[in-house]
Amino acid sequence: MAKLSSINKNERRKALVKRYAAKYERLKAVADDKSLDEGERMIARLKMAEIPRNANPTRVRNRCTTTGRPRGYYRKFGLNRIELRDLGNKGLIPGLTKSSW
């Protein structure tokens, strides 16, 4: 089980990303648009710098929904490898079967 503080920190980051997503995307589009004047692009970059750091989507860490473990995360299930195997063996994940050959 991960530390509760790191799980909560990640949840706060997710909330900030959601709050600033529209503004961030709009400014990023202006900053990346090569057809615009360099001054306008620079202003957009400066405004992006004023947005809180934790509002950047790359700062959000994928974590297991049950344990909060950050490593061995499967996006499709939202679980880490250990929980995926445990729940899969119990038959609690529909469509998942243990393979053997």
PDB file of N, CA and C in Angstrom:
ATOM      1  N   MET A   1       0.847  -1.183   0.000  1.00  0.00           N
ATOM      2  CA  MET A   1       0.000   0.000   0.000  1.00  0.00           C
ATOM      3  C   MET A   1       0.885   1.236   0.000  1.00  0.00           C
ATOM      4  N   ALA A   2       0.589   2.150  -0.902  1.00  0.00           N
ATOM      5  CA  ALA A   2       1.359   3.382  -0.994  1.00  0.00           C
ATOM      6  C   ALA A   2       0.994   4.322   0.156  1.00  0.00           C
ATOM      7  N   LYS A   3       1.878   5.264   0.410  1.00  0.00           N
ATOM      8  CA  LYS A   3       1.596   6.251   1.450  1.00  0.00           C
ATOM      9  C   LYS A   3       0.347   7.037   1.069  1.00  0.00           C
ATOM     10  N   LEU A   4      -0.493   7.283   2.018  1.00  0.00           N
ATOM     11  CA  LEU A   4      -1.737   7.998   1.778  1.00  0.00           C
ATOM     12  C   LEU A   4      -1.461   9.422   1.288  1.00  0.00           C
ATOM     13  N   SER A   5      -0.373  10.016   1.765  1.00  0.00           N
ATOM     14  CA  SER A   5      -0.052  11.380   1.356  1.00  0.00           C
ATOM     15  C   SER A   5       0.278  11.446  -0.136  1.00  0.00           C
ATOM     16  N   SER A   6       0.973  10.430  -0.665  1.00  0.00           N
ATOM     17  CA  SER A   6       1.304  10.450  -2.094  1.00  0.00           C
ATOM     18  C   SER A   6       0.074  10.186  -2.949  1.00  0.00           C
ATOM     19  N   ILE A   7      -0.846   9.374  -2.450  1.00  0.00           N
ATOM     20  CA  ILE A   7      -2.097   9.139  -3.179  1.00  0.00           C
ATOM     21  C   ILE A   7      -2.918  10.423  -3.215  1.00  0.00           C
ATOM     22  N   ASN A   8      -3.013  11.107  -2.068  1.00  0.00           N
ATOM     23  CA  ASN A   8      -3.772  12.361  -2.004  1.00  0.00           C
ATOM     24  C   ASN A   8      -3.135  13.445  -2.856  1.00  0.00           C
ATOM     25  N   LYS A   9      -1.807  13.505  -2.871  1.00  0.00           N
ATOM     26  CA  LYS A   9      -1.100  14.486  -3.697  1.00  0.00           C
ATOM     27  C   LYS A   9      -1.438  14.277  -5.168  1.00  0.00           C
ATOM     28  N   ASN A  10      -1.466  13.023  -5.583  1.00  0.00           N
ATOM     29  CA  ASN A  10      -1.785  12.707  -6.969  1.00  0.00           C
ATOM     30  C   ASN A  10      -3.228  13.088  -7.302  1.00  0.00           C
ATOM     31  N   GLU A  11      -4.144  12.894  -6.360  1.00  0.00           N
ATOM     32  CA  GLU A  11      -5.542  13.265  -6.576  1.00  0.00           C
ATOM     33  C   GLU A  11      -5.691  14.782  -6.704  1.00  0.00           C
ATOM     34  N   ARG A  12      -4.938  15.534  -5.905  1.00  0.00           N
ATOM     35  CA  ARG A  12      -4.967  16.999  -6.023  1.00  0.00           C
ATOM     36  C   ARG A  12      -4.447  17.433  -7.387  1.00  0.00           C
ATOM     37  N   ARG A  13      -3.398  16.750  -7.879  1.00  0.00           N
ATOM     38  CA  ARG A  13      -2.857  17.061  -9.193  1.00  0.00           C
ATOM     39  C   ARG A  13      -3.890  16.794 -10.282  1.00  0.00           C
ATOM     40  N   LYS A  14      -4.602  15.677 -10.166  1.00  0.00           N
ATOM     41  CA  LYS A  14      -5.644  15.360 -11.153  1.00  0.00           C
ATOM     42  C   LYS A  14      -6.711  16.445 -11.187  1.00  0.00           C
ATOM     43  N   ALA A  15      -7.094  16.943 -10.015  1.00  0.00           N
ATOM     44  CA  ALA A  15      -8.106  17.996  -9.941  1.00  0.00           C
ATOM     45  C   ALA A  15      -7.604  19.280 -10.592  1.00  0.00           C
ATOM     46  N   LEU A  16      -6.335  19.631 -10.350  1.00  0.00           N
ATOM     47  CA  LEU A  16      -5.763  20.832 -10.968  1.00  0.00           C
ATOM     48  C   LEU A  16      -5.674  20.695 -12.482  1.00  0.00           C
ATOM     49  N   VAL A  17      -5.288  19.529 -12.952  1.00  0.00           N
ATOM     50  CA  VAL A  17      -5.201  19.300 -14.396  1.00  0.00           C
ATOM     51  C   VAL A  17      -6.572  19.488 -15.029  1.00  0.00           C
ATOM     52  N   LYS A  18      -7.589  18.949 -14.366  1.00  0.00           N
ATOM     53  CA  LYS A  18      -8.956  19.065 -14.887  1.00  0.00           C
ATOM     54  C   LYS A  18      -9.415  20.523 -14.911  1.00  0.00           C
ATOM     55  N   ARG A  19      -9.070  21.283 -13.868  1.00  0.00           N
ATOM     56  CA  ARG A  19      -9.497  22.665 -13.766  1.00  0.00           C
ATOM     57  C   ARG A  19      -8.851  23.549 -14.843  1.00  0.00           C
ATOM     58  N   TYR A  20      -7.568  23.318 -15.128  1.00  0.00           N
ATOM     59  CA  TYR A  20      -6.841  24.171 -16.058  1.00  0.00           C
ATOM     60  C   TYR A  20      -6.707  23.563 -17.459  1.00  0.00           C
ATOM     61  N   ALA A  21      -7.359  22.450 -17.745  1.00  0.00           N
ATOM     62  CA  ALA A  21      -7.165  21.737 -19.012  1.00  0.00           C
ATOM     63  C   ALA A  21      -7.493  22.601 -20.227  1.00  0.00           C
ATOM     64  N   ALA A  22      -8.623  23.288 -20.207  1.00  0.00           N
ATOM     65  CA  ALA A  22      -9.035  24.087 -21.365  1.00  0.00           C
ATOM     66  C   ALA A  22      -8.054  25.236 -21.613  1.00  0.00           C
ATOM     67  N   LYS A  23      -7.679  25.943 -20.564  1.00  0.00           N
ATOM     68  CA  LYS A  23      -6.750  27.064 -20.688  1.00  0.00           C
ATOM     69  C   LYS A  23      -5.384  26.579 -21.162  1.00  0.00           C
ATOM     70  N   TYR A  24      -4.931  25.456 -20.605  1.00  0.00           N
ATOM     71  CA  TYR A  24      -3.627  24.896 -20.966  1.00  0.00           C
ATOM     72  C   TYR A  24      -3.589  24.506 -22.438  1.00  0.00           C
ATOM     73  N   GLU A  25      -4.635  23.828 -22.911  1.00  0.00           N
ATOM     74  CA  GLU A  25      -4.687  23.402 -24.315  1.00  0.00           C
ATOM     75  C   GLU A  25      -4.732  24.599 -25.256  1.00  0.00           C
ATOM     76  N   ARG A  26      -5.511  25.611 -24.887  1.00  0.00           N
ATOM     77  CA  ARG A  26      -5.625  26.811 -25.729  1.00  0.00           C
ATOM     78  C   ARG A  26      -4.268  27.516 -25.848  1.00  0.00           C
ATOM     79  N   LEU A  27      -3.586  27.701 -24.735  1.00  0.00           N
ATOM     80  CA  LEU A  27      -2.288  28.373 -24.753  1.00  0.00           C
ATOM     81  C   LEU A  27      -1.236  27.525 -25.472  1.00  0.00           C
ATOM     82  N   LYS A  28      -1.305  26.218 -25.288  1.00  0.00           N
ATOM     83  CA  LYS A  28      -0.344  25.328 -25.945  1.00  0.00           C
ATOM     84  C   LYS A  28      -0.523  25.362 -27.457  1.00  0.00           C
ATOM     85  N   ALA A  29      -1.771  25.446 -27.913  1.00  0.00           N
ATOM     86  CA  ALA A  29      -2.032  25.529 -29.351  1.00  0.00           C
ATOM     87  C   ALA A  29      -1.458  26.819 -29.931  1.00  0.00           C
ATOM     88  N   VAL A  30      -1.595  27.915 -29.212  1.00  0.00           N
ATOM     89  CA  VAL A  30      -1.041  29.195 -29.682  1.00  0.00           C
ATOM     90  C   VAL A  30       0.480  29.144 -29.665  1.00  0.00           C
ATOM     91  N   ALA A  31       1.060  28.582 -28.621  1.00  0.00           N
ATOM     92  CA  ALA A  31       2.518  28.528 -28.501  1.00  0.00           C
ATOM     93  C   ALA A  31       3.145  27.639 -29.569  1.00  0.00           C
ATOM     94  N   ASP A  32       2.442  26.603 -30.004  1.00  0.00           N
ATOM     95  CA  ASP A  32       2.981  25.675 -30.995  1.00  0.00           C
ATOM     96  C   ASP A  32       2.666  26.065 -32.438  1.00  0.00           C
ATOM     97  N   ASP A  33       1.807  27.066 -32.637  1.00  0.00           N
ATOM     98  CA  ASP A  33       1.391  27.463 -33.986  1.00  0.00           C
ATOM     99  C   ASP A  33       2.503  28.265 -34.665  1.00  0.00           C
ATOM    100  N   LYS A  34       3.140  27.652 -35.658  1.00  0.00           N
ATOM    101  CA  LYS A  34       4.275  28.279 -36.349  1.00  0.00           C
ATOM    102  C   LYS A  34       3.850  29.447 -37.239  1.00  0.00           C
ATOM    103  N   SER A  35       2.568  29.524 -37.601  1.00  0.00           N
ATOM    104  CA  SER A  35       2.118  30.581 -38.509  1.00  0.00           C
ATOM    105  C   SER A  35       1.925  31.918 -37.789  1.00  0.00           C
ATOM    106  N   LEU A  36       1.880  31.893 -36.457  1.00  0.00           N
ATOM    107  CA  LEU A  36       1.693  33.131 -35.698  1.00  0.00           C
ATOM    108  C   LEU A  36       3.018  33.868 -35.502  1.00  0.00           C
ATOM    109  N   ASP A  37       2.899  35.123 -35.125  1.00  0.00           N
ATOM    110  CA  ASP A  37       4.056  35.969 -34.846  1.00  0.00           C
ATOM    111  C   ASP A  37       4.802  35.435 -33.616  1.00  0.00           C
ATOM    112  N   GLU A  38       6.106  35.586 -33.616  1.00  0.00           N
ATOM    113  CA  GLU A  38       6.928  35.077 -32.503  1.00  0.00           C
ATOM    114  C   GLU A  38       6.561  35.751 -31.176  1.00  0.00           C
ATOM    115  N   GLY A  39       6.169  37.023 -31.229  1.00  0.00           N
ATOM    116  CA  GLY A  39       5.783  37.735 -30.010  1.00  0.00           C
ATOM    117  C   GLY A  39       4.540  37.147 -29.369  1.00  0.00           C
ATOM    118  N   GLU A  40       3.534  36.810 -30.202  1.00  0.00           N
ATOM    119  CA  GLU A  40       2.310  36.206 -29.677  1.00  0.00           C
ATOM    120  C   GLU A  40       2.596  34.848 -29.051  1.00  0.00           C
ATOM    121  N   ARG A  41       3.468  34.095 -29.702  1.00  0.00           N
ATOM    122  CA  ARG A  41       3.818  32.774 -29.190  1.00  0.00           C
ATOM    123  C   ARG A  41       4.553  32.892 -27.854  1.00  0.00           C
ATOM    124  N   MET A  42       5.410  33.888 -27.734  1.00  0.00           N
ATOM    125  CA  MET A  42       6.151  34.105 -26.490  1.00  0.00           C
ATOM    126  C   MET A  42       5.206  34.511 -25.358  1.00  0.00           C
ATOM    127  N   ILE A  43       4.222  35.354 -25.669  1.00  0.00           N
ATOM    128  CA  ILE A  43       3.234  35.751 -24.661  1.00  0.00           C
ATOM    129  C   ILE A  43       2.460  34.533 -24.174  1.00  0.00           C
ATOM    130  N   ALA A  44       2.100  33.643 -25.111  1.00  0.00           N
ATOM    131  CA  ALA A  44       1.378  32.424 -24.725  1.00  0.00           C
ATOM    132  C   ALA A  44       2.243  31.552 -23.819  1.00  0.00           C
ATOM    133  N   ARG A  45       3.545  31.465 -24.116  1.00  0.00           N
ATOM    134  CA  ARG A  45       4.440  30.669 -23.275  1.00  0.00           C
ATOM    135  C   ARG A  45       4.561  31.271 -21.872  1.00  0.00           C
ATOM    136  N   LEU A  46       4.600  32.594 -21.805  1.00  0.00           N
ATOM    137  CA  LEU A  46       4.688  33.242 -20.494  1.00  0.00           C
ATOM    138  C   LEU A  46       3.414  33.020 -19.686  1.00  0.00           C
ATOM    139  N   LYS A  47       2.260  33.044 -20.355  1.00  0.00           N
ATOM    140  CA  LYS A  47       1.001  32.775 -19.654  1.00  0.00           C
ATOM    141  C   LYS A  47       0.934  31.316 -19.201  1.00  0.00           C
ATOM    142  N   MET A  48       1.520  30.405 -20.006  1.00  0.00           N
ATOM    143  CA  MET A  48       1.567  29.004 -19.593  1.00  0.00           C
ATOM    144  C   MET A  48       2.425  28.840 -18.343  1.00  0.00           C
ATOM    145  N   ALA A  49       3.454  29.661 -18.222  1.00  0.00           N
ATOM    146  CA  ALA A  49       4.338  29.584 -17.061  1.00  0.00           C
ATOM    147  C   ALA A  49       3.633  30.060 -15.791  1.00  0.00           C
ATOM    148  N   GLU A  50       2.567  30.873 -15.939  1.00  0.00           N
ATOM    149  CA  GLU A  50       1.832  31.360 -14.776  1.00  0.00           C
ATOM    150  C   GLU A  50       0.867  30.311 -14.222  1.00  0.00           C
ATOM    151  N   ILE A  51       0.525  29.327 -15.040  1.00  0.00           N
ATOM    152  CA  ILE A  51      -0.347  28.244 -14.589  1.00  0.00           C
ATOM    153  C   ILE A  51       0.434  27.407 -13.572  1.00  0.00           C
ATOM    154  N   PRO A  52      -0.222  26.917 -12.527  1.00  0.00           N
ATOM    155  CA  PRO A  52       0.498  26.099 -11.528  1.00  0.00           C
ATOM    156  C   PRO A  52       1.185  24.896 -12.160  1.00  0.00           C
ATOM    157  N   ARG A  53       2.334  24.538 -11.628  1.00  0.00           N
ATOM    158  CA  ARG A  53       3.105  23.417 -12.172  1.00  0.00           C
ATOM    159  C   ARG A  53       2.324  22.116 -12.143  1.00  0.00           C
ATOM    160  N   ASN A  54       1.600  21.904 -11.068  1.00  0.00           N
ATOM    161  CA  ASN A  54       0.864  20.648 -10.934  1.00  0.00           C
ATOM    162  C   ASN A  54      -0.359  20.578 -11.842  1.00  0.00           C
ATOM    163  N   ALA A  55      -0.635  21.624 -12.610  1.00  0.00           N
ATOM    164  CA  ALA A  55      -1.724  21.600 -13.580  1.00  0.00           C
ATOM    165  C   ALA A  55      -1.259  21.007 -14.905  1.00  0.00           C
ATOM    166  N   ASN A  56       0.025  20.694 -15.011  1.00  0.00           N
ATOM    167  CA  ASN A  56       0.547  20.071 -16.218  1.00  0.00           C
ATOM    168  C   ASN A  56       0.197  18.578 -16.203  1.00  0.00           C
ATOM    169  N   PRO A  57      -0.416  18.065 -17.282  1.00  0.00           N
ATOM    170  CA  PRO A  57      -0.846  16.659 -17.288  1.00  0.00           C
ATOM    171  C   PRO A  57       0.287  15.652 -17.106  1.00  0.00           C
ATOM    172  N   THR A  58       1.515  16.015 -17.430  1.00  0.00           N
ATOM    173  CA  THR A  58       2.611  15.059 -17.295  1.00  0.00           C
ATOM    174  C   THR A  58       3.011  14.819 -15.844  1.00  0.00           C
ATOM    175  N   ARG A  59       2.543  15.644 -14.934  1.00  0.00           N
ATOM    176  CA  ARG A  59       2.908  15.470 -13.525  1.00  0.00           C
ATOM    177  C   ARG A  59       1.994  14.492 -12.786  1.00  0.00           C
ATOM    178  N   VAL A  60       0.919  14.053 -13.459  1.00  0.00           N
ATOM    179  CA  VAL A  60       0.021  13.075 -12.846  1.00  0.00           C
ATOM    180  C   VAL A  60       0.626  11.688 -13.016  1.00  0.00           C
ATOM    181  N   ARG A  61       0.623  10.922 -11.938  1.00  0.00           N
ATOM    182  CA  ARG A  61       1.212   9.586 -11.942  1.00  0.00           C
ATOM    183  C   ARG A  61       0.089   8.557 -11.994  1.00  0.00           C
ATOM    184  N   ASN A  62       0.222   7.562 -12.880  1.00  0.00           N
ATOM    185  CA  ASN A  62      -0.757   6.476 -12.917  1.00  0.00           C
ATOM    186  C   ASN A  62      -0.556   5.598 -11.683  1.00  0.00           C
ATOM    187  N   ARG A  63      -1.631   5.388 -10.931  1.00  0.00           N
ATOM    188  CA  ARG A  63      -1.554   4.585  -9.721  1.00  0.00           C
ATOM    189  C   ARG A  63      -2.685   3.565  -9.692  1.00  0.00           C
ATOM    190  N   CYS A  64      -2.433   2.456  -9.049  1.00  0.00           N
ATOM    191  CA  CYS A  64      -3.438   1.401  -8.875  1.00  0.00           C
ATOM    192  C   CYS A  64      -4.616   1.970  -8.079  1.00  0.00           C
ATOM    193  N   THR A  65      -5.839   1.632  -8.499  1.00  0.00           N
ATOM    194  CA  THR A  65      -7.015   2.180  -7.825  1.00  0.00           C
ATOM    195  C   THR A  65      -7.246   1.556  -6.451  1.00  0.00           C
ATOM    196  N   THR A  66      -6.773   0.341  -6.245  1.00  0.00           N
ATOM    197  CA  THR A  66      -7.009  -0.308  -4.951  1.00  0.00           C
ATOM    198  C   THR A  66      -5.887  -0.073  -3.949  1.00  0.00           C
ATOM    199  N   THR A  67      -4.630  -0.133  -4.397  1.00  0.00           N
ATOM    200  CA  THR A  67      -3.513  -0.018  -3.459  1.00  0.00           C
ATOM    201  C   THR A  67      -2.747   1.291  -3.575  1.00  0.00           C
ATOM    202  N   GLY A  68      -2.832   1.964  -4.722  1.00  0.00           N
ATOM    203  CA  GLY A  68      -2.079   3.191  -4.919  1.00  0.00           C
ATOM    204  C   GLY A  68      -0.666   2.953  -5.398  1.00  0.00           C
ATOM    205  N   ARG A  69      -0.322   1.700  -5.719  1.00  0.00           N
ATOM    206  CA  ARG A  69       1.037   1.371  -6.164  1.00  0.00           C
ATOM    207  C   ARG A  69       1.304   1.997  -7.530  1.00  0.00           C
ATOM    208  N   PRO A  70       2.431   2.727  -7.678  1.00  0.00           N
ATOM    209  CA  PRO A  70       2.697   3.424  -8.930  1.00  0.00           C
ATOM    210  C   PRO A  70       3.374   2.575 -10.004  1.00  0.00           C
ATOM    211  N   ARG A  71       3.938   1.450  -9.639  1.00  0.00           N
ATOM    212  CA  ARG A  71       4.687   0.653 -10.617  1.00  0.00           C
ATOM    213  C   ARG A  71       3.874  -0.543 -11.076  1.00  0.00           C
ATOM    214  N   GLY A  72       4.178  -1.016 -12.275  1.00  0.00           N
ATOM    215  CA  GLY A  72       3.492  -2.188 -12.816  1.00  0.00           C
ATOM    216  C   GLY A  72       2.026  -1.926 -13.073  1.00  0.00           C
ATOM    217  N   TYR A  73       1.701  -0.726 -13.561  1.00  0.00           N
ATOM    218  CA  TYR A  73       0.318  -0.279 -13.746  1.00  0.00           C
ATOM    219  C   TYR A  73      -0.195  -0.671 -15.129  1.00  0.00           C
ATOM    220  N   TYR A  74      -1.380  -1.282 -15.185  1.00  0.00           N
ATOM    221  CA  TYR A  74      -2.031  -1.618 -16.449  1.00  0.00           C
ATOM    222  C   TYR A  74      -3.166  -0.623 -16.691  1.00  0.00           C
ATOM    223  N   ARG A  75      -3.035   0.187 -17.736  1.00  0.00           N
ATOM    224  CA  ARG A  75      -4.027   1.226 -18.017  1.00  0.00           C
ATOM    225  C   ARG A  75      -5.413   0.656 -18.269  1.00  0.00           C
ATOM    226  N   LYS A  76      -5.457  -0.446 -18.991  1.00  0.00           N
ATOM    227  CA  LYS A  76      -6.743  -1.025 -19.378  1.00  0.00           C
ATOM    228  C   LYS A  76      -7.595  -1.376 -18.164  1.00  0.00           C
ATOM    229  N   PHE A  77      -6.968  -1.801 -17.085  1.00  0.00           N
ATOM    230  CA  PHE A  77      -7.697  -2.227 -15.896  1.00  0.00           C
ATOM    231  C   PHE A  77      -7.628  -1.219 -14.757  1.00  0.00           C
ATOM    232  N   GLY A  78      -6.649  -0.323 -14.779  1.00  0.00           N
ATOM    233  CA  GLY A  78      -6.475   0.632 -13.690  1.00  0.00           C
ATOM    234  C   GLY A  78      -5.901  -0.015 -12.442  1.00  0.00           C
ATOM    235  N   LEU A  79      -5.230  -1.151 -12.631  1.00  0.00           N
ATOM    236  CA  LEU A  79      -4.669  -1.902 -11.504  1.00  0.00           C
ATOM    237  C   LEU A  79      -3.189  -2.153 -11.730  1.00  0.00           C
ATOM    238  N   ASN A  80      -2.484  -2.475 -10.659  1.00  0.00           N
ATOM    239  CA  ASN A  80      -1.098  -2.889 -10.813  1.00  0.00           C
ATOM    240  C   ASN A  80      -1.056  -4.387 -11.074  1.00  0.00           C
ATOM    241  N   ARG A  81       0.116  -4.889 -11.406  1.00  0.00           N
ATOM    242  CA  ARG A  81       0.252  -6.290 -11.819  1.00  0.00           C
ATOM    243  C   ARG A  81      -0.124  -7.277 -10.723  1.00  0.00           C
ATOM    244  N   ILE A  82       0.142  -6.914  -9.479  1.00  0.00           N
ATOM    245  CA  ILE A  82      -0.128  -7.812  -8.362  1.00  0.00           C
ATOM    246  C   ILE A  82      -1.633  -7.939  -8.126  1.00  0.00           C
ATOM    247  N   GLU A  83      -2.310  -6.790  -8.093  1.00  0.00           N
ATOM    248  CA  GLU A  83      -3.757  -6.794  -7.898  1.00  0.00           C
ATOM    249  C   GLU A  83      -4.467  -7.427  -9.085  1.00  0.00           C
ATOM    250  N   LEU A  84      -3.953  -7.189 -10.288  1.00  0.00           N
ATOM    251  CA  LEU A  84      -4.546  -7.768 -11.485  1.00  0.00           C
ATOM    252  C   LEU A  84      -4.502  -9.299 -11.413  1.00  0.00           C
ATOM    253  N   ARG A  85      -3.378  -9.833 -11.010  1.00  0.00           N
ATOM    254  CA  ARG A  85      -3.248 -11.290 -10.896  1.00  0.00           C
ATOM    255  C   ARG A  85      -4.149 -11.835  -9.798  1.00  0.00           C
ATOM    256  N   ASP A  86      -4.180 -11.150  -8.661  1.00  0.00           N
ATOM    257  CA  ASP A  86      -4.985 -11.604  -7.528  1.00  0.00           C
ATOM    258  C   ASP A  86      -6.472 -11.605  -7.875  1.00  0.00           C
ATOM    259  N   LEU A  87      -6.972 -10.500  -8.418  1.00  0.00           N
ATOM    260  CA  LEU A  87      -8.388 -10.408  -8.763  1.00  0.00           C
ATOM    261  C   LEU A  87      -8.733 -11.307  -9.948  1.00  0.00           C
ATOM    262  N   GLY A  88      -7.771 -11.460 -10.872  1.00  0.00           N
ATOM    263  CA  GLY A  88      -7.991 -12.341 -12.009  1.00  0.00           C
ATOM    264  C   GLY A  88      -8.113 -13.794 -11.588  1.00  0.00           C
ATOM    265  N   ASN A  89      -7.289 -14.230 -10.648  1.00  0.00           N
ATOM    266  CA  ASN A  89      -7.358 -15.604 -10.155  1.00  0.00           C
ATOM    267  C   ASN A  89      -8.652 -15.882  -9.396  1.00  0.00           C
ATOM    268  N   LYS A  90      -9.185 -14.848  -8.759  1.00  0.00           N
ATOM    269  CA  LYS A  90     -10.452 -14.993  -8.039  1.00  0.00           C
ATOM    270  C   LYS A  90     -11.654 -14.922  -8.974  1.00  0.00           C
ATOM    271  N   GLY A  91     -11.410 -14.531 -10.230  1.00  0.00           N
ATOM    272  CA  GLY A  91     -12.494 -14.425 -11.203  1.00  0.00           C
ATOM    273  C   GLY A  91     -13.313 -13.163 -11.063  1.00  0.00           C
ATOM    274  N   LEU A  92     -12.733 -12.108 -10.508  1.00  0.00           N
ATOM    275  CA  LEU A  92     -13.473 -10.862 -10.295  1.00  0.00           C
ATOM    276  C   LEU A  92     -13.343  -9.872 -11.447  1.00  0.00           C
ATOM    277  N   ILE A  93     -12.513 -10.195 -12.449  1.00  0.00           N
ATOM    278  CA  ILE A  93     -12.368  -9.323 -13.612  1.00  0.00           C
ATOM    279  C   ILE A  93     -13.000 -10.039 -14.809  1.00  0.00           C
ATOM    280  N   PRO A  94     -14.125  -9.528 -15.326  1.00  0.00           N
ATOM    281  CA  PRO A  94     -14.811 -10.198 -16.436  1.00  0.00           C
ATOM    282  C   PRO A  94     -13.934 -10.273 -17.682  1.00  0.00           C
ATOM    283  N   GLY A  95     -13.912 -11.427 -18.318  1.00  0.00           N
ATOM    284  CA  GLY A  95     -13.173 -11.609 -19.558  1.00  0.00           C
ATOM    285  C   GLY A  95     -11.711 -11.932 -19.390  1.00  0.00           C
ATOM    286  N   LEU A  96     -11.218 -11.943 -18.170  1.00  0.00           N
ATOM    287  CA  LEU A  96      -9.805 -12.225 -17.928  1.00  0.00           C
ATOM    288  C   LEU A  96      -9.656 -13.675 -17.480  1.00  0.00           C
ATOM    289  N   THR A  97      -8.858 -14.427 -18.223  1.00  0.00           N
ATOM    290  CA  THR A  97      -8.595 -15.804 -17.859  1.00  0.00           C
ATOM    291  C   THR A  97      -7.098 -16.039 -17.789  1.00  0.00           C
ATOM    292  N   LYS A  98      -6.686 -16.905 -16.905  1.00  0.00           N
ATOM    293  CA  LYS A  98      -5.276 -17.242 -16.792  1.00  0.00           C
ATOM    294  C   LYS A  98      -4.905 -18.145 -17.960  1.00  0.00           C
ATOM    295  N   SER A  99      -3.848 -17.795 -18.642  1.00  0.00           N
ATOM    296  CA  SER A  99      -3.444 -18.610 -19.785  1.00  0.00           C
ATOM    297  C   SER A  99      -2.391 -19.611 -19.374  1.00  0.00           C
ATOM    298  N   SER A 100      -2.391 -20.735 -20.071  1.00  0.00           N
ATOM    299  CA  SER A 100      -1.347 -21.744 -19.858  1.00  0.00           C
ATOM    300  C   SER A 100      -1.110 -22.442 -21.180  1.00  0.00           C
ATOM    301  N   TRP A 101       0.134 -22.799 -21.439  1.00  0.00           N
ATOM    302  CA  TRP A 101       0.457 -23.482 -22.701  1.00  0.00           C
ATOM    303  C   TRP A 101       1.577 -24.465 -22.519  1.00  0.00           C
TER     304      TRP A 101
END
